[in-house]
Amino acid sequence: MLSRRAFLERGSLALAAMSLSAARAAEAQTGPLGRPIGLQLYTIRDAVAKDLAGTLRAIAEIGYGEVELAGIPAGTTASELRRMLGDNGLTAPSMHASMADLQGGLQERIDYAKGLGTEHLVCAFPWTADSRFRDKPGQAVVSLASGITLDDWKWNAEQLNKIGAACKQAGLRCGYHNHNMEFRSYNGVVAYDELLKLTDPQLVTMEMDIAWVVTAGADPVKYLKKHDDRISMLHVKDVIKDVHVTVDRLQPETTEVGSGKIDWKRVFKAANPKRLTHYFVEQENFDRSPLESVKISFDYLKGLGARD
């Protein structure tokens, strides 16, 4: 049994931790549309792998209020991660997994998301029904980008509806995150348009990665305006001003938000504030440390929000 003194000391420590969490939550700033500014943890994956708790603390101190999960160190339980997030006033409304992983372990990922309090389980990358890209796993991502067919996209739409039904039953929402290859045209049929047509709006929402849309040579604003009922989340990712336009090669050419080609005022003006629930900063190429980069992106979005 705890002594009275030990009990009071533990109570004081718990109260201090709660106060710190509340203070950091209060410090989290909003950006455009009055939404908390989120960060896709893939951006700082090396720091996350080395020191998850310390890295979460660092991004909370920058002012981020939300994170999207990817690349969490193996063995980290949902309860452990939920505690670390809470200690820093952070929430994780979204979690990524590839279609291949969702095919092989959907219930495991649903359980993890529920244990964490996550709202969205997002398919981050497509796959195929056959095994033609699995013989060389190290090259699968590259070869799939150039070799995926319209029939493959139709299969992915079917799988998303099935995953969406399972997520809905569990109280979650299934989402889909695009790259540039979704904007390839197959005899006039654009893969992304086919995904929108074939997925059930009640089961599947879209997380639009703005940088990859621009890399494909498409206009994200047109999609945001035309499909505002389908797009509920964004990856706020910028591209260099002379980005190479391509739909059959995964070649990220990213930079800090506000430093590249994308007109973010135009993007957020087109977004429906009643439909767009979350957005996450992401970056894949760096000229400085990733934590420095995500602070630059955060400061830009905070300033942009102040001018709304």
C-alpha atoms as a PDB file:
ATOM      1  CA  MET A   1       0.000   0.000   0.000  1.00  0.00           C
ATOM      2  CA  LEU A   2       1.235   3.497  -0.829  1.00  0.00           C
ATOM      3  CA  SER A   3       2.094   5.819   2.019  1.00  0.00           C
ATOM      4  CA  ARG A   4       0.173   9.103   2.176  1.00  0.00           C
ATOM      5  CA  ARG A   5       3.321  10.963   1.140  1.00  0.00           C
ATOM      6  CA  ALA A   6       3.960   8.677  -1.844  1.00  0.00           C
ATOM      7  CA  PHE A   7       0.315   8.950  -2.845  1.00  0.00           C
ATOM      8  CA  LEU A   8       0.460  12.744  -2.776  1.00  0.00           C
ATOM      9  CA  GLU A   9       3.733  12.786  -4.712  1.00  0.00           C
ATOM     10  CA  ARG A  10       2.306  10.575  -7.433  1.00  0.00           C
ATOM     11  CA  GLY A  11      -0.816  12.684  -7.547  1.00  0.00           C
ATOM     12  CA  SER A  12       1.263  15.818  -7.955  1.00  0.00           C
ATOM     13  CA  LEU A  13       3.253  14.262 -10.784  1.00  0.00           C
ATOM     14  CA  ALA A  14       0.090  13.172 -12.553  1.00  0.00           C
ATOM     15  CA  LEU A  15      -1.398  16.643 -12.165  1.00  0.00           C
ATOM     16  CA  ALA A  16       1.786  18.197 -13.552  1.00  0.00           C
ATOM     17  CA  ALA A  17       1.690  15.876 -16.561  1.00  0.00           C
ATOM     18  CA  MET A  18      -1.949  16.766 -17.184  1.00  0.00           C
ATOM     19  CA  SER A  19      -1.145  20.454 -16.936  1.00  0.00           C
ATOM     20  CA  LEU A  20       1.729  20.068 -19.407  1.00  0.00           C
ATOM     21  CA  SER A  21      -0.527  18.206 -21.814  1.00  0.00           C
ATOM     22  CA  ALA A  22      -3.202  20.895 -21.565  1.00  0.00           C
ATOM     23  CA  ALA A  23      -0.639  23.656 -22.039  1.00  0.00           C
ATOM     24  CA  ARG A  24       0.784  22.043 -25.168  1.00  0.00           C
ATOM     25  CA  ALA A  25      -2.685  21.459 -26.547  1.00  0.00           C
ATOM     26  CA  ALA A  26      -3.476  25.126 -25.986  1.00  0.00           C
ATOM     27  CA  GLU A  27      -0.240  26.122 -27.734  1.00  0.00           C
ATOM     28  CA  ALA A  28      -1.159  24.145 -30.868  1.00  0.00           C
ATOM     29  CA  GLN A  29      -2.013  26.711 -33.511  1.00  0.00           C
ATOM     30  CA  THR A  30      -4.616  26.581 -36.228  1.00  0.00           C
ATOM     31  CA  GLY A  31      -3.927  27.170 -39.876  1.00  0.00           C
ATOM     32  CA  PRO A  32      -6.195  27.727 -42.894  1.00  0.00           C
ATOM     33  CA  LEU A  33      -9.901  26.984 -42.400  1.00  0.00           C
ATOM     34  CA  GLY A  34      -9.391  27.229 -38.644  1.00  0.00           C
ATOM     35  CA  ARG A  35      -8.168  23.616 -38.507  1.00  0.00           C
ATOM     36  CA  PRO A  36      -5.277  22.322 -36.372  1.00  0.00           C
ATOM     37  CA  ILE A  37      -2.095  21.917 -38.404  1.00  0.00           C
ATOM     38  CA  GLY A  38      -1.165  18.242 -38.681  1.00  0.00           C
ATOM     39  CA  LEU A  39       2.030  16.429 -39.629  1.00  0.00           C
ATOM     40  CA  GLN A  40       2.453  13.120 -41.465  1.00  0.00           C
ATOM     41  CA  LEU A  41       5.081  11.343 -39.356  1.00  0.00           C
ATOM     42  CA  TYR A  42       6.654   9.747 -42.436  1.00  0.00           C
ATOM     43  CA  THR A  43       8.233  13.186 -42.970  1.00  0.00           C
ATOM     44  CA  ILE A  44      10.379  12.775 -39.839  1.00  0.00           C
ATOM     45  CA  ARG A  45      10.601   8.992 -39.889  1.00  0.00           C
ATOM     46  CA  ASP A  46      14.306   8.825 -38.994  1.00  0.00           C
ATOM     47  CA  ALA A  47      13.775  10.908 -35.851  1.00  0.00           C
ATOM     48  CA  VAL A  48      10.674   8.861 -34.978  1.00  0.00           C
ATOM     49  CA  ALA A  49      12.678   5.631 -35.294  1.00  0.00           C
ATOM     50  CA  LYS A  50      15.404   6.930 -32.968  1.00  0.00           C
ATOM     51  CA  ASP A  51      13.277   8.642 -30.316  1.00  0.00           C
ATOM     52  CA  LEU A  52       9.518   8.519 -30.739  1.00  0.00           C
ATOM     53  CA  ALA A  53       8.601  10.260 -27.468  1.00  0.00           C
ATOM     54  CA  GLY A  54      11.203  13.000 -27.897  1.00  0.00           C
ATOM     55  CA  THR A  55      10.184  13.614 -31.498  1.00  0.00           C
ATOM     56  CA  LEU A  56       6.510  13.931 -30.593  1.00  0.00           C
ATOM     57  CA  ARG A  57       7.539  16.426 -27.928  1.00  0.00           C
ATOM     58  CA  ALA A  58       9.534  18.412 -30.495  1.00  0.00           C
ATOM     59  CA  ILE A  59       6.692  18.717 -32.996  1.00  0.00           C
ATOM     60  CA  ALA A  60       4.230  19.639 -30.251  1.00  0.00           C
ATOM     61  CA  GLU A  61       6.592  22.424 -29.197  1.00  0.00           C
ATOM     62  CA  ILE A  62       6.580  23.706 -32.794  1.00  0.00           C
ATOM     63  CA  GLY A  63       2.799  23.942 -32.477  1.00  0.00           C
ATOM     64  CA  TYR A  64       1.453  20.941 -34.375  1.00  0.00           C
ATOM     65  CA  GLY A  65      -1.805  19.647 -32.924  1.00  0.00           C
ATOM     66  CA  GLU A  66      -2.314  16.466 -34.934  1.00  0.00           C
ATOM     67  CA  VAL A  67      -0.233  13.709 -36.507  1.00  0.00           C
ATOM     68  CA  GLU A  68      -0.923  11.085 -39.125  1.00  0.00           C
ATOM     69  CA  LEU A  69       0.698   7.746 -38.427  1.00  0.00           C
ATOM     70  CA  ALA A  70       3.214   5.977 -40.671  1.00  0.00           C
ATOM     71  CA  GLY A  71       6.498   4.350 -39.775  1.00  0.00           C
ATOM     72  CA  ILE A  72       5.852   3.960 -36.048  1.00  0.00           C
ATOM     73  CA  PRO A  73       8.566   1.717 -34.539  1.00  0.00           C
ATOM     74  CA  ALA A  74       7.570  -1.950 -34.440  1.00  0.00           C
ATOM     75  CA  GLY A  75       6.430  -3.088 -31.023  1.00  0.00           C
ATOM     76  CA  THR A  76       4.909   0.254 -30.026  1.00  0.00           C
ATOM     77  CA  THR A  77       1.484  -0.599 -28.613  1.00  0.00           C
ATOM     78  CA  ALA A  78      -1.565   1.554 -29.218  1.00  0.00           C
ATOM     79  CA  SER A  79      -1.851   2.322 -25.502  1.00  0.00           C
ATOM     80  CA  GLU A  80       1.816   3.391 -25.309  1.00  0.00           C
ATOM     81  CA  LEU A  81       1.478   5.629 -28.339  1.00  0.00           C
ATOM     82  CA  ARG A  82      -1.801   7.082 -27.119  1.00  0.00           C
ATOM     83  CA  ARG A  83      -0.128   8.003 -23.842  1.00  0.00           C
ATOM     84  CA  MET A  84       2.833   9.640 -25.606  1.00  0.00           C
ATOM     85  CA  LEU A  85       0.506  11.640 -27.824  1.00  0.00           C
ATOM     86  CA  GLY A  86      -1.620  12.708 -24.882  1.00  0.00           C
ATOM     87  CA  ASP A  87       1.440  13.761 -22.894  1.00  0.00           C
ATOM     88  CA  ASN A  88       2.165  16.261 -25.649  1.00  0.00           C
ATOM     89  CA  GLY A  89      -1.352  17.461 -26.375  1.00  0.00           C
ATOM     90  CA  LEU A  90      -1.415  15.649 -29.725  1.00  0.00           C
ATOM     91  CA  THR A  91      -4.053  13.504 -31.403  1.00  0.00           C
ATOM     92  CA  ALA A  92      -3.743  11.036 -34.289  1.00  0.00           C
ATOM     93  CA  PRO A  93      -6.954  11.217 -36.323  1.00  0.00           C
ATOM     94  CA  SER A  94      -5.526   9.227 -39.239  1.00  0.00           C
ATOM     95  CA  MET A  95      -3.324   6.186 -39.823  1.00  0.00           C
ATOM     96  CA  HIS A  96      -1.720   4.915 -43.055  1.00  0.00           C
ATOM     97  CA  ALA A  97      -1.328   1.354 -44.302  1.00  0.00           C
ATOM     98  CA  SER A  98      -0.662   0.002 -47.798  1.00  0.00           C
ATOM     99  CA  MET A  99      -3.253  -2.049 -49.673  1.00  0.00           C
ATOM    100  CA  ALA A 100      -0.896  -5.044 -49.401  1.00  0.00           C
ATOM    101  CA  ASP A 101      -0.801  -4.660 -45.602  1.00  0.00           C
ATOM    102  CA  LEU A 102      -4.555  -4.174 -45.409  1.00  0.00           C
ATOM    103  CA  GLN A 103      -5.048  -7.362 -47.426  1.00  0.00           C
ATOM    104  CA  GLY A 104      -2.835  -9.288 -45.053  1.00  0.00           C
ATOM    105  CA  GLY A 105      -3.809  -7.806 -41.703  1.00  0.00           C
ATOM    106  CA  LEU A 106      -6.912  -5.623 -41.828  1.00  0.00           C
ATOM    107  CA  GLN A 107      -8.337  -6.598 -38.431  1.00  0.00           C
ATOM    108  CA  GLU A 108      -4.979  -6.030 -36.735  1.00  0.00           C
ATOM    109  CA  ARG A 109      -4.860  -2.482 -38.106  1.00  0.00           C
ATOM    110  CA  ILE A 110      -8.486  -1.803 -37.235  1.00  0.00           C
ATOM    111  CA  ASP A 111      -7.815  -2.930 -33.665  1.00  0.00           C
ATOM    112  CA  TYR A 112      -4.719  -0.708 -33.452  1.00  0.00           C
ATOM    113  CA  ALA A 113      -6.627   2.312 -34.763  1.00  0.00           C
ATOM    114  CA  LYS A 114      -9.453   1.765 -32.286  1.00  0.00           C
ATOM    115  CA  GLY A 115      -7.022   1.352 -29.409  1.00  0.00           C
ATOM    116  CA  LEU A 116      -5.378   4.611 -30.377  1.00  0.00           C
ATOM    117  CA  GLY A 117      -8.613   6.537 -30.854  1.00  0.00           C
ATOM    118  CA  THR A 118      -7.903   7.094 -34.546  1.00  0.00           C
ATOM    119  CA  GLU A 119     -10.807   8.041 -36.827  1.00  0.00           C
ATOM    120  CA  HIS A 120      -9.438   7.170 -40.282  1.00  0.00           C
ATOM    121  CA  LEU A 121      -7.639   4.125 -41.660  1.00  0.00           C
ATOM    122  CA  VAL A 122      -6.136   5.303 -44.950  1.00  0.00           C
ATOM    123  CA  CYS A 123      -4.875   3.103 -47.779  1.00  0.00           C
ATOM    124  CA  ALA A 124      -1.597   4.785 -48.698  1.00  0.00           C
ATOM    125  CA  PHE A 125      -0.628   2.790 -51.789  1.00  0.00           C
ATOM    126  CA  PRO A 126      -2.454   0.466 -54.226  1.00  0.00           C
ATOM    127  CA  TRP A 127      -1.752  -3.165 -54.993  1.00  0.00           C
ATOM    128  CA  THR A 128      -2.823  -5.835 -57.470  1.00  0.00           C
ATOM    129  CA  ALA A 129      -4.836  -9.038 -57.264  1.00  0.00           C
ATOM    130  CA  ASP A 130      -2.117 -11.076 -58.992  1.00  0.00           C
ATOM    131  CA  SER A 131       1.507 -11.567 -58.009  1.00  0.00           C
ATOM    132  CA  ARG A 132       3.303  -9.963 -60.953  1.00  0.00           C
ATOM    133  CA  PHE A 133       4.856  -7.212 -58.806  1.00  0.00           C
ATOM    134  CA  ARG A 134       5.653  -9.418 -55.816  1.00  0.00           C
ATOM    135  CA  ASP A 135       8.544 -11.365 -57.307  1.00  0.00           C
ATOM    136  CA  LYS A 136      10.891  -8.412 -56.721  1.00  0.00           C
ATOM    137  CA  PRO A 137       9.577  -6.750 -53.553  1.00  0.00           C
ATOM    138  CA  GLY A 138      12.354  -4.169 -53.483  1.00  0.00           C
ATOM    139  CA  GLN A 139      11.295  -2.884 -56.893  1.00  0.00           C
ATOM    140  CA  ALA A 140       7.551  -3.370 -56.483  1.00  0.00           C
ATOM    141  CA  VAL A 141       6.748   0.277 -55.771  1.00  0.00           C
ATOM    142  CA  VAL A 142       8.671   1.529 -58.793  1.00  0.00           C
ATOM    143  CA  SER A 143       7.435  -1.127 -61.221  1.00  0.00           C
ATOM    144  CA  LEU A 144       3.836  -0.892 -60.014  1.00  0.00           C
ATOM    145  CA  ALA A 145       3.782   2.854 -60.694  1.00  0.00           C
ATOM    146  CA  SER A 146       4.648   2.283 -64.330  1.00  0.00           C
ATOM    147  CA  GLY A 147       2.762  -0.975 -64.856  1.00  0.00           C
ATOM    148  CA  ILE A 148      -0.578  -0.675 -63.053  1.00  0.00           C
ATOM    149  CA  THR A 149      -3.575  -1.115 -65.362  1.00  0.00           C
ATOM    150  CA  LEU A 150      -7.143   0.187 -65.353  1.00  0.00           C
ATOM    151  CA  ASP A 151      -8.356  -3.286 -64.339  1.00  0.00           C
ATOM    152  CA  ASP A 152      -5.958  -3.098 -61.377  1.00  0.00           C
ATOM    153  CA  TRP A 153      -7.538   0.196 -60.353  1.00  0.00           C
ATOM    154  CA  LYS A 154     -11.004  -1.370 -60.559  1.00  0.00           C
ATOM    155  CA  TRP A 155      -9.803  -4.177 -58.291  1.00  0.00           C
ATOM    156  CA  ASN A 156      -8.436  -1.609 -55.817  1.00  0.00           C
ATOM    157  CA  ALA A 157     -11.812   0.152 -55.800  1.00  0.00           C
ATOM    158  CA  GLU A 158     -13.513  -3.166 -54.952  1.00  0.00           C
ATOM    159  CA  GLN A 159     -11.086  -3.771 -52.117  1.00  0.00           C
ATOM    160  CA  LEU A 160     -11.559  -0.247 -50.765  1.00  0.00           C
ATOM    161  CA  ASN A 161     -15.314  -0.811 -50.575  1.00  0.00           C
ATOM    162  CA  LYS A 162     -14.752  -4.042 -48.636  1.00  0.00           C
ATOM    163  CA  ILE A 163     -12.250  -2.383 -46.310  1.00  0.00           C
ATOM    164  CA  GLY A 164     -14.616   0.563 -45.944  1.00  0.00           C
ATOM    165  CA  ALA A 165     -17.453  -1.734 -44.877  1.00  0.00           C
ATOM    166  CA  ALA A 166     -15.239  -3.386 -42.243  1.00  0.00           C
ATOM    167  CA  CYS A 167     -14.066   0.012 -41.002  1.00  0.00           C
ATOM    168  CA  LYS A 168     -17.603   1.353 -40.788  1.00  0.00           C
ATOM    169  CA  GLN A 169     -18.677  -1.641 -38.717  1.00  0.00           C
ATOM    170  CA  ALA A 170     -15.780  -0.886 -36.352  1.00  0.00           C
ATOM    171  CA  GLY A 171     -16.657   2.788 -36.093  1.00  0.00           C
ATOM    172  CA  LEU A 172     -13.807   3.955 -38.366  1.00  0.00           C
ATOM    173  CA  ARG A 173     -13.640   5.616 -41.770  1.00  0.00           C
ATOM    174  CA  CYS A 174     -11.673   4.174 -44.672  1.00  0.00           C
ATOM    175  CA  GLY A 175      -9.716   6.602 -46.814  1.00  0.00           C
ATOM    176  CA  TYR A 176      -7.519   6.533 -49.902  1.00  0.00           C
ATOM    177  CA  HIS A 177      -4.318   8.545 -50.410  1.00  0.00           C
ATOM    178  CA  ASN A 178      -3.176   9.203 -53.970  1.00  0.00           C
ATOM    179  CA  HIS A 179       0.179   9.502 -55.694  1.00  0.00           C
ATOM    180  CA  ASN A 180       0.648  10.797 -59.239  1.00  0.00           C
ATOM    181  CA  MET A 181      -0.080   7.502 -61.030  1.00  0.00           C
ATOM    182  CA  GLU A 182      -3.798   7.776 -60.209  1.00  0.00           C
ATOM    183  CA  PHE A 183      -4.009  10.595 -62.747  1.00  0.00           C
ATOM    184  CA  ARG A 184      -2.867   8.500 -65.700  1.00  0.00           C
ATOM    185  CA  SER A 185      -5.399   8.309 -68.518  1.00  0.00           C
ATOM    186  CA  TYR A 186      -6.323   4.934 -70.002  1.00  0.00           C
ATOM    187  CA  ASN A 187      -7.919   5.720 -73.364  1.00  0.00           C
ATOM    188  CA  GLY A 188      -9.592   8.759 -71.852  1.00  0.00           C
ATOM    189  CA  VAL A 189     -10.420   7.190 -68.474  1.00  0.00           C
ATOM    190  CA  VAL A 190      -8.453   8.763 -65.595  1.00  0.00           C
ATOM    191  CA  ALA A 191      -7.736   6.248 -62.836  1.00  0.00           C
ATOM    192  CA  TYR A 192      -8.575   8.692 -60.015  1.00  0.00           C
ATOM    193  CA  ASP A 193     -11.936   9.452 -61.631  1.00  0.00           C
ATOM    194  CA  GLU A 194     -12.589   5.729 -61.830  1.00  0.00           C
ATOM    195  CA  LEU A 195     -11.792   5.324 -58.127  1.00  0.00           C
ATOM    196  CA  LEU A 196     -14.225   8.123 -57.309  1.00  0.00           C
ATOM    197  CA  LYS A 197     -16.903   6.506 -59.464  1.00  0.00           C
ATOM    198  CA  LEU A 198     -16.473   2.945 -58.193  1.00  0.00           C
ATOM    199  CA  THR A 199     -15.987   3.543 -54.469  1.00  0.00           C
ATOM    200  CA  ASP A 200     -19.013   4.010 -52.234  1.00  0.00           C
ATOM    201  CA  PRO A 201     -19.085   7.563 -50.777  1.00  0.00           C
ATOM    202  CA  GLN A 202     -20.581   6.132 -47.593  1.00  0.00           C
ATOM    203  CA  LEU A 203     -17.608   3.806 -47.158  1.00  0.00           C
ATOM    204  CA  VAL A 204     -14.563   5.502 -48.698  1.00  0.00           C
ATOM    205  CA  THR A 205     -13.312   9.068 -48.380  1.00  0.00           C
ATOM    206  CA  MET A 206     -10.359  10.626 -50.187  1.00  0.00           C
ATOM    207  CA  GLU A 207      -7.189  12.107 -48.761  1.00  0.00           C
ATOM    208  CA  MET A 208      -5.815  14.204 -51.616  1.00  0.00           C
ATOM    209  CA  ASP A 209      -2.046  14.615 -51.781  1.00  0.00           C
ATOM    210  CA  ILE A 210      -1.759  18.020 -53.444  1.00  0.00           C
ATOM    211  CA  ALA A 211       1.899  17.633 -54.446  1.00  0.00           C
ATOM    212  CA  TRP A 212       1.339  14.382 -56.307  1.00  0.00           C
ATOM    213  CA  VAL A 213      -1.662  15.850 -58.150  1.00  0.00           C
ATOM    214  CA  VAL A 214       0.508  18.740 -59.339  1.00  0.00           C
ATOM    215  CA  THR A 215       3.344  16.343 -60.222  1.00  0.00           C
ATOM    216  CA  ALA A 216       0.867  14.519 -62.472  1.00  0.00           C
ATOM    217  CA  GLY A 217       0.065  17.780 -64.264  1.00  0.00           C
ATOM    218  CA  ALA A 218      -3.497  17.911 -62.909  1.00  0.00           C
ATOM    219  CA  ASP A 219      -5.190  20.783 -61.079  1.00  0.00           C
ATOM    220  CA  PRO A 220      -6.072  19.956 -57.452  1.00  0.00           C
ATOM    221  CA  VAL A 221      -8.401  22.953 -57.240  1.00  0.00           C
ATOM    222  CA  LYS A 222     -10.673  21.508 -59.928  1.00  0.00           C
ATOM    223  CA  TYR A 223     -10.961  18.276 -57.958  1.00  0.00           C
ATOM    224  CA  LEU A 224     -11.532  20.075 -54.667  1.00  0.00           C
ATOM    225  CA  LYS A 225     -14.379  22.051 -56.198  1.00  0.00           C
ATOM    226  CA  LYS A 226     -15.960  19.205 -58.153  1.00  0.00           C
ATOM    227  CA  HIS A 227     -15.595  16.516 -55.481  1.00  0.00           C
ATOM    228  CA  ASP A 228     -15.824  18.445 -52.234  1.00  0.00           C
ATOM    229  CA  ASP A 229     -18.211  15.766 -50.952  1.00  0.00           C
ATOM    230  CA  ARG A 230     -15.530  13.066 -51.383  1.00  0.00           C
ATOM    231  CA  ILE A 231     -12.310  14.779 -50.302  1.00  0.00           C
ATOM    232  CA  SER A 232     -12.154  15.162 -46.514  1.00  0.00           C
ATOM    233  CA  MET A 233      -8.390  15.263 -45.870  1.00  0.00           C
ATOM    234  CA  LEU A 234      -5.302  16.705 -47.560  1.00  0.00           C
ATOM    235  CA  HIS A 235      -1.584  16.130 -47.659  1.00  0.00           C
ATOM    236  CA  VAL A 236      -0.214  19.656 -47.661  1.00  0.00           C
ATOM    237  CA  LYS A 237       2.980  19.018 -49.562  1.00  0.00           C
ATOM    238  CA  ASP A 238       4.764  21.449 -51.894  1.00  0.00           C
ATOM    239  CA  VAL A 239       6.860  20.750 -54.991  1.00  0.00           C
ATOM    240  CA  ILE A 240       9.843  22.560 -56.459  1.00  0.00           C
ATOM    241  CA  LYS A 241       8.983  25.216 -59.034  1.00  0.00           C
ATOM    242  CA  ASP A 242      10.426  23.288 -61.994  1.00  0.00           C
ATOM    243  CA  VAL A 243       8.933  19.935 -60.961  1.00  0.00           C
ATOM    244  CA  HIS A 244       9.003  17.208 -63.623  1.00  0.00           C
ATOM    245  CA  VAL A 245       5.479  16.313 -64.729  1.00  0.00           C
ATOM    246  CA  THR A 246       4.940  12.550 -64.816  1.00  0.00           C
ATOM    247  CA  VAL A 247       2.298   9.920 -64.078  1.00  0.00           C
ATOM    248  CA  ASP A 248       4.318   6.725 -64.492  1.00  0.00           C
ATOM    249  CA  ARG A 249       7.288   7.368 -62.218  1.00  0.00           C
ATOM    250  CA  LEU A 250       7.363   7.955 -58.478  1.00  0.00           C
ATOM    251  CA  GLN A 251       9.838  10.802 -58.375  1.00  0.00           C
ATOM    252  CA  PRO A 252       9.137  13.132 -55.427  1.00  0.00           C
ATOM    253  CA  GLU A 253      10.525  16.650 -55.797  1.00  0.00           C
ATOM    254  CA  THR A 254       9.232  18.289 -52.654  1.00  0.00           C
ATOM    255  CA  THR A 255      10.100  21.325 -50.585  1.00  0.00           C
ATOM    256  CA  GLU A 256       8.797  23.224 -47.563  1.00  0.00           C
ATOM    257  CA  VAL A 257       5.180  24.370 -47.799  1.00  0.00           C
ATOM    258  CA  GLY A 258       5.052  27.890 -49.213  1.00  0.00           C
ATOM    259  CA  SER A 259       8.507  27.598 -50.807  1.00  0.00           C
ATOM    260  CA  GLY A 260       7.516  25.868 -54.028  1.00  0.00           C
ATOM    261  CA  LYS A 261       5.164  25.933 -56.984  1.00  0.00           C
ATOM    262  CA  ILE A 262       1.775  25.445 -55.351  1.00  0.00           C
ATOM    263  CA  ASP A 263      -0.563  28.391 -54.734  1.00  0.00           C
ATOM    264  CA  TRP A 264      -1.806  27.429 -51.280  1.00  0.00           C
ATOM    265  CA  LYS A 265      -4.175  30.369 -50.955  1.00  0.00           C
ATOM    266  CA  ARG A 266      -5.963  29.131 -54.064  1.00  0.00           C
ATOM    267  CA  VAL A 267      -6.007  25.555 -52.774  1.00  0.00           C
ATOM    268  CA  PHE A 268      -7.510  26.406 -49.400  1.00  0.00           C
ATOM    269  CA  LYS A 269      -9.975  28.850 -50.951  1.00  0.00           C
ATOM    270  CA  ALA A 270     -11.302  25.960 -53.036  1.00  0.00           C
ATOM    271  CA  ALA A 271     -11.602  23.608 -50.052  1.00  0.00           C
ATOM    272  CA  ASN A 272     -14.991  23.205 -48.404  1.00  0.00           C
ATOM    273  CA  PRO A 273     -14.478  24.026 -44.699  1.00  0.00           C
ATOM    274  CA  LYS A 274     -17.531  21.939 -43.791  1.00  0.00           C
ATOM    275  CA  ARG A 275     -16.139  18.846 -45.526  1.00  0.00           C
ATOM    276  CA  LEU A 276     -12.375  19.131 -45.045  1.00  0.00           C
ATOM    277  CA  THR A 277     -11.702  17.770 -41.578  1.00  0.00           C
ATOM    278  CA  HIS A 278      -7.902  17.345 -41.428  1.00  0.00           C
ATOM    279  CA  TYR A 279      -4.734  18.225 -43.316  1.00  0.00           C
ATOM    280  CA  PHE A 280      -1.194  17.035 -42.760  1.00  0.00           C
ATOM    281  CA  VAL A 281       2.126  18.560 -43.749  1.00  0.00           C
ATOM    282  CA  GLU A 282       4.388  16.115 -45.563  1.00  0.00           C
ATOM    283  CA  GLN A 283       7.796  16.410 -47.245  1.00  0.00           C
ATOM    284  CA  GLU A 284      10.123  13.876 -48.841  1.00  0.00           C
ATOM    285  CA  ASN A 285      13.205  15.817 -49.977  1.00  0.00           C
ATOM    286  CA  PHE A 286      15.338  17.983 -47.685  1.00  0.00           C
ATOM    287  CA  ASP A 287      18.119  20.582 -47.852  1.00  0.00           C
ATOM    288  CA  ARG A 288      18.107  20.915 -44.047  1.00  0.00           C
ATOM    289  CA  SER A 289      17.054  18.760 -41.120  1.00  0.00           C
ATOM    290  CA  PRO A 290      13.465  17.470 -41.416  1.00  0.00           C
ATOM    291  CA  LEU A 291      12.505  19.084 -38.094  1.00  0.00           C
ATOM    292  CA  GLU A 292      13.711  22.450 -39.378  1.00  0.00           C
ATOM    293  CA  SER A 293      11.693  21.911 -42.544  1.00  0.00           C
ATOM    294  CA  VAL A 294       8.473  21.023 -40.752  1.00  0.00           C
ATOM    295  CA  LYS A 295       8.811  24.177 -38.635  1.00  0.00           C
ATOM    296  CA  ILE A 296       9.116  26.277 -41.802  1.00  0.00           C
ATOM    297  CA  SER A 297       5.987  24.625 -43.199  1.00  0.00           C
ATOM    298  CA  PHE A 298       4.151  25.078 -39.907  1.00  0.00           C
ATOM    299  CA  ASP A 299       5.034  28.772 -39.685  1.00  0.00           C
ATOM    300  CA  TYR A 300       3.836  29.338 -43.254  1.00  0.00           C
ATOM    301  CA  LEU A 301       0.480  27.647 -42.628  1.00  0.00           C
ATOM    302  CA  LYS A 302       0.025  29.429 -39.325  1.00  0.00           C
ATOM    303  CA  GLY A 303       0.583  32.756 -41.124  1.00  0.00           C
ATOM    304  CA  LEU A 304      -1.738  31.738 -43.922  1.00  0.00           C
ATOM    305  CA  GLY A 305      -4.420  30.888 -41.380  1.00  0.00           C
ATOM    306  CA  ALA A 306      -4.010  34.260 -39.705  1.00  0.00           C
ATOM    307  CA  ARG A 307      -4.782  35.949 -43.033  1.00  0.00           C
ATOM    308  CA  ASP A 308      -8.009  33.990 -43.648  1.00  0.00           C
END
